[in-house]
Amino acid sequence: TLSCDETGTIAVCNAAVTGTIPAGGTCAGQTLLMFSDCAPGNDCAWSSNACTGTCRPNARVGEACGYAVGDDYIDCEDGSTCGWDTEVCIADASEGQSCEGPDGVGCSFGLYCEGGDYSTSGVCRKQKTSGACASSDECASAYACVPSGGPGTCRKEKLPGEACEPGECISWFSRCGTDGKCTDARSAEDQPCGSSGGEYIQCESGLYCDYSDTTTSLGTCQREIPAGSSCTSGSMCAGSGYCDGSTGLCVSCS
């Protein structure tokens, strides 16, 4: 019943999937961003044209981050954010403190930046479990701003099988189906996929979302293609592979 970002604050959830490879070790690059082979406090630095990368410590407050020192994005340690313009890690602000603006100051977990954006400074406020909202950023973990796209109301996210409105189902892996109930069912081959009404429709395993039809914002689930086949993106390639930028061919990483 928790949202994906909320699990990062709970020890038993962190222990469920924890990397063990120390800094300097080889890690799997082509994987979901939320999972890493690297030990806590490190991330996997990798190139889009490689199957593996190297575990590297996250940048600390005051250190360079983002793309400031190479082709791979450098993450900041927990409790800090990479400044938009400075590309230096900045400590997250506490409740009542200034946030975002040109420096890109983030708020601590459980807070949102009220009135702040890239050019304007705001103030960190507690996320809400009820009341009016403009986006889900204002709502607490496992709550959403409904209807999606706002303005709306912060509501508890629904589980698969529960009656719903678009944007009300628990994040990442479920959506409000055509029957008005939350579902985590994935689309089969030749069925729609991609973003729709603030939700995301996933494809079944072994398929990727093909956006080649530019007449619609949705894609269509198609079979992943084998190594050696022509490709335009890594999502097309089977075997957790990537699309080699120099050859335009799929490379398998499994």
Protein backbone atom coordinates (compact mmCIF):
# COMPACT_ATOMS: atom_id res chain seq x y z
CA THR A 1 0.00 0.00 0.00
CA LEU A 2 3.04 2.30 -0.02
CA SER A 3 4.21 4.48 -2.88
CA CYS A 4 7.65 3.68 -4.33
CA ASP A 5 9.33 6.79 -2.88
CA GLU A 6 7.96 6.08 0.61
CA THR A 7 9.70 2.69 0.85
CA GLY A 8 13.07 4.50 0.96
CA THR A 9 12.34 5.62 4.53
CA ILE A 10 11.45 2.16 5.88
CA ALA A 11 14.28 -0.17 6.92
CA VAL A 12 12.50 -3.46 6.15
CA CYS A 13 11.75 -2.26 2.59
CA ASN A 14 15.35 -1.17 2.03
CA ALA A 15 16.54 -4.59 3.20
CA ALA A 16 14.35 -6.41 0.65
CA VAL A 17 16.50 -5.42 -2.34
CA THR A 18 19.93 -4.09 -1.38
CA GLY A 19 23.05 -3.89 -3.54
CA THR A 20 26.30 -5.28 -2.18
CA ILE A 21 29.00 -4.20 -4.67
CA PRO A 22 31.37 -1.57 -3.21
CA ALA A 23 32.66 1.55 -4.92
CA GLY A 24 34.93 0.63 -7.83
CA GLY A 25 33.17 -2.67 -8.52
CA THR A 26 31.38 -3.65 -11.73
CA CYS A 27 27.60 -3.26 -11.81
CA ALA A 28 24.79 -3.95 -14.27
CA GLY A 29 24.02 -0.76 -16.18
CA GLN A 30 20.93 -1.70 -18.19
CA THR A 31 18.42 -2.08 -15.34
CA LEU A 32 15.56 -0.24 -13.65
CA LEU A 33 16.74 2.98 -12.00
CA MET A 34 15.16 2.05 -8.67
CA PHE A 35 17.35 -1.07 -8.36
CA SER A 36 21.13 -1.19 -8.26
CA ASP A 37 23.86 -3.79 -7.69
CA CYS A 38 25.81 -1.16 -5.74
CA ALA A 39 25.99 -0.95 -1.97
CA PRO A 40 23.92 1.79 -0.28
CA GLY A 41 25.44 5.24 -0.75
CA ASN A 42 26.66 4.39 -4.27
CA ASP A 43 25.14 4.37 -7.74
CA CYS A 44 26.04 2.62 -10.98
CA ALA A 45 27.87 4.93 -13.40
CA TRP A 46 27.30 3.54 -16.89
CA SER A 47 27.16 4.47 -20.54
CA SER A 48 24.05 3.90 -22.66
CA ASN A 49 26.36 1.93 -25.02
CA ALA A 50 27.48 -0.64 -22.46
CA CYS A 51 26.00 -3.50 -20.43
CA THR A 52 27.98 -2.76 -17.27
CA GLY A 53 29.20 0.22 -15.31
CA THR A 54 31.19 1.02 -12.16
CA CYS A 55 29.83 1.63 -8.66
CA ARG A 56 30.55 5.19 -7.58
CA PRO A 57 29.79 7.04 -4.30
CA ASN A 58 26.94 9.51 -4.49
CA ALA A 59 28.06 13.14 -4.42
CA ARG A 60 27.96 14.90 -1.07
CA VAL A 61 26.68 18.38 -0.27
CA GLY A 62 28.98 20.89 -1.99
CA GLU A 63 30.29 18.38 -4.55
CA ALA A 64 29.67 18.37 -8.32
CA CYS A 65 26.61 16.45 -9.51
CA GLY A 66 24.47 15.97 -12.60
CA TYR A 67 26.47 15.95 -15.83
CA ALA A 68 29.11 18.33 -14.48
CA VAL A 69 31.95 15.76 -14.54
CA GLY A 70 31.12 13.28 -17.29
CA ASP A 71 28.57 11.65 -19.55
CA ASP A 72 26.78 9.75 -16.78
CA TYR A 73 24.46 11.52 -14.32
CA ILE A 74 25.92 11.79 -10.80
CA ASP A 75 23.32 11.49 -8.03
CA CYS A 76 23.47 13.36 -4.73
CA GLU A 77 23.44 11.62 -1.37
CA ASP A 78 20.12 11.24 0.46
CA GLY A 79 18.91 14.52 1.93
CA SER A 80 20.31 16.69 -0.86
CA THR A 81 19.41 17.80 -4.38
CA CYS A 82 21.47 18.64 -7.47
CA GLY A 83 21.21 22.39 -8.14
CA TRP A 84 19.73 23.17 -11.56
CA ASP A 85 22.19 25.86 -12.55
CA THR A 86 25.12 25.17 -10.22
CA GLU A 87 25.27 21.35 -10.67
CA VAL A 88 26.40 21.15 -7.05
CA CYS A 89 24.63 19.14 -4.33
CA ILE A 90 22.55 21.35 -2.02
CA ALA A 91 21.09 20.20 1.32
CA ASP A 92 17.31 19.81 1.18
CA ALA A 93 15.33 22.52 2.94
CA SER A 94 13.21 21.97 6.05
CA GLU A 95 9.61 23.03 6.62
CA GLY A 96 9.22 26.79 6.31
CA GLN A 97 12.51 27.29 4.50
CA SER A 98 13.00 28.62 0.96
CA CYS A 99 13.07 26.11 -1.90
CA GLU A 100 13.66 25.77 -5.66
CA GLY A 101 14.33 29.05 -7.52
CA PRO A 102 17.48 29.32 -9.70
CA ASP A 103 19.48 27.25 -7.17
CA GLY A 104 17.02 24.34 -7.40
CA VAL A 105 16.81 23.73 -3.65
CA GLY A 106 14.67 20.68 -2.87
CA CYS A 107 12.50 20.02 0.17
CA SER A 108 13.06 17.25 2.70
CA PHE A 109 11.00 14.06 2.45
CA GLY A 110 7.34 14.63 3.30
CA LEU A 111 7.40 18.26 2.14
CA TYR A 112 6.59 20.07 -1.11
CA CYS A 113 7.69 23.46 -2.45
CA GLU A 114 4.66 25.76 -2.31
CA GLY A 115 4.83 28.50 -4.95
CA GLY A 116 8.30 27.54 -6.16
CA ASP A 117 9.54 26.73 -9.65
CA TYR A 118 12.70 27.11 -11.76
CA SER A 119 12.69 30.92 -11.62
CA THR A 120 10.72 31.61 -8.42
CA SER A 121 11.52 30.72 -4.82
CA GLY A 122 8.82 29.08 -2.71
CA VAL A 123 8.44 27.70 0.81
CA CYS A 124 8.60 24.07 1.97
CA ARG A 125 5.25 22.90 3.37
CA LYS A 126 4.01 19.55 4.72
CA GLN A 127 2.41 17.32 2.10
CA LYS A 128 -1.32 16.86 2.58
CA THR A 129 -3.68 13.91 3.00
CA SER A 130 -6.75 15.99 2.12
CA GLY A 131 -7.75 19.36 0.72
CA ALA A 132 -7.22 21.19 -2.55
CA CYS A 133 -4.14 20.55 -4.68
CA ALA A 134 -2.69 21.56 -8.03
CA SER A 135 -0.50 18.46 -8.46
CA SER A 136 0.33 15.22 -6.65
CA ASP A 137 3.57 16.80 -5.39
CA GLU A 138 1.41 18.51 -2.77
CA CYS A 139 -0.04 15.20 -1.53
CA ALA A 140 1.57 12.83 0.98
CA SER A 141 3.04 9.50 -0.07
CA ALA A 142 0.35 7.02 -1.20
CA TYR A 143 -1.99 9.97 -1.89
CA ALA A 144 -2.72 11.54 -5.27
CA CYS A 145 -4.20 14.78 -6.59
CA VAL A 146 -7.49 13.68 -8.21
CA PRO A 147 -8.46 14.22 -10.96
CA SER A 148 -4.98 13.83 -12.49
CA GLY A 149 -3.53 17.03 -13.91
CA GLY A 150 -5.31 19.09 -11.20
CA PRO A 151 -6.65 21.23 -9.78
CA GLY A 152 -8.14 18.56 -7.57
CA THR A 153 -8.19 17.05 -4.08
CA CYS A 154 -5.59 14.93 -2.27
CA ARG A 155 -7.03 11.42 -1.90
CA LYS A 156 -5.70 8.07 -0.72
CA GLU A 157 -4.51 6.04 -3.72
CA LYS A 158 -6.60 2.96 -4.54
CA LEU A 159 -5.47 -0.65 -4.89
CA PRO A 160 -6.27 -2.98 -7.83
CA GLY A 161 -9.95 -3.95 -7.78
CA GLU A 162 -11.15 -0.79 -6.03
CA ALA A 163 -13.45 1.73 -7.72
CA CYS A 164 -11.49 4.69 -9.07
CA GLU A 165 -11.19 7.88 -11.06
CA PRO A 166 -8.25 8.42 -13.43
CA GLY A 167 -5.13 9.28 -11.43
CA GLU A 168 -6.45 7.72 -8.21
CA CYS A 169 -4.79 4.29 -8.45
CA ILE A 170 -1.56 3.55 -6.60
CA SER A 171 1.42 4.89 -8.51
CA TRP A 172 3.68 3.22 -11.08
CA PHE A 173 2.05 -0.13 -11.73
CA SER A 174 -1.71 0.36 -11.83
CA ARG A 175 -4.28 2.54 -13.57
CA CYS A 176 -8.02 3.17 -13.63
CA GLY A 177 -9.46 0.68 -16.13
CA THR A 178 -12.38 1.06 -18.51
CA ASP A 179 -14.60 -0.69 -15.93
CA GLY A 180 -13.93 2.08 -13.38
CA LYS A 181 -11.69 -0.10 -11.19
CA CYS A 182 -7.94 0.01 -10.57
CA THR A 183 -5.99 -2.62 -12.50
CA ASP A 184 -2.35 -3.61 -12.78
CA ALA A 185 -2.95 -5.72 -15.90
CA ARG A 186 -0.41 -5.14 -18.67
CA SER A 187 -1.18 -4.71 -22.35
CA ALA A 188 -0.68 -7.58 -24.78
CA GLU A 189 0.92 -7.35 -28.23
CA ASP A 190 -0.71 -4.74 -30.51
CA GLN A 191 -2.59 -3.21 -27.54
CA PRO A 192 -2.22 0.45 -26.34
CA CYS A 193 0.58 1.47 -23.97
CA GLY A 194 2.20 4.62 -22.61
CA SER A 195 0.90 7.70 -20.81
CA SER A 196 -2.83 8.33 -20.70
CA GLY A 197 -4.66 10.76 -18.40
CA GLY A 198 -1.75 11.01 -15.98
CA GLU A 199 -1.39 7.22 -15.74
CA TYR A 200 0.92 4.77 -17.49
CA ILE A 201 -0.12 1.59 -19.30
CA GLN A 202 2.67 -1.01 -19.28
CA CYS A 203 3.31 -3.78 -21.78
CA GLU A 204 3.61 -7.47 -20.89
CA SER A 205 7.07 -8.93 -20.40
CA GLY A 206 8.94 -9.35 -23.68
CA LEU A 207 7.19 -6.38 -25.30
CA TYR A 208 8.11 -2.70 -25.67
CA CYS A 209 5.99 0.40 -26.26
CA ASP A 210 6.30 1.52 -29.90
CA TYR A 211 5.58 5.24 -30.43
CA SER A 212 6.16 5.28 -34.20
CA ASP A 213 2.53 6.28 -34.87
CA THR A 214 2.72 10.06 -34.40
CA THR A 215 -1.04 10.54 -34.82
CA THR A 216 -1.64 9.45 -31.21
CA SER A 217 0.00 10.15 -27.85
CA LEU A 218 -0.22 6.46 -26.94
CA GLY A 219 2.05 3.72 -28.25
CA THR A 220 1.43 0.10 -29.20
CA CYS A 221 2.98 -2.94 -27.53
CA GLN A 222 5.34 -4.79 -29.92
CA ARG A 223 7.72 -7.73 -29.58
CA GLU A 224 11.24 -6.90 -28.43
CA ILE A 225 13.75 -7.55 -31.19
CA PRO A 226 16.82 -9.84 -30.94
CA ALA A 227 20.49 -8.86 -30.85
CA GLY A 228 21.81 -7.82 -34.25
CA SER A 229 18.51 -6.29 -35.39
CA SER A 230 18.23 -2.66 -36.48
CA CYS A 231 16.99 -0.38 -33.70
CA THR A 232 16.31 3.24 -32.84
CA SER A 233 16.06 2.94 -29.03
CA GLY A 234 17.20 0.58 -26.29
CA SER A 235 13.63 -0.24 -25.24
CA MET A 236 13.24 -2.25 -28.46
CA CYS A 237 16.06 -4.66 -27.67
CA ALA A 238 15.56 -8.05 -26.00
CA GLY A 239 17.81 -9.44 -23.31
CA SER A 240 17.91 -6.23 -21.23
CA GLY A 241 20.02 -4.88 -24.06
CA TYR A 242 20.78 -1.51 -25.62
CA CYS A 243 20.77 0.04 -29.08
CA ASP A 244 24.39 0.64 -30.14
CA GLY A 245 24.62 4.25 -31.25
CA SER A 246 27.49 3.57 -33.64
CA THR A 247 25.96 0.60 -35.49
CA GLY A 248 22.23 1.08 -34.97
CA LEU A 249 21.97 -2.58 -33.91
CA CYS A 250 20.63 -4.22 -30.72
CA VAL A 251 23.16 -5.68 -28.28
CA SER A 252 21.98 -8.21 -25.67
CA CYS A 253 23.11 -7.85 -22.05
CA SER A 254 21.57 -11.06 -20.67
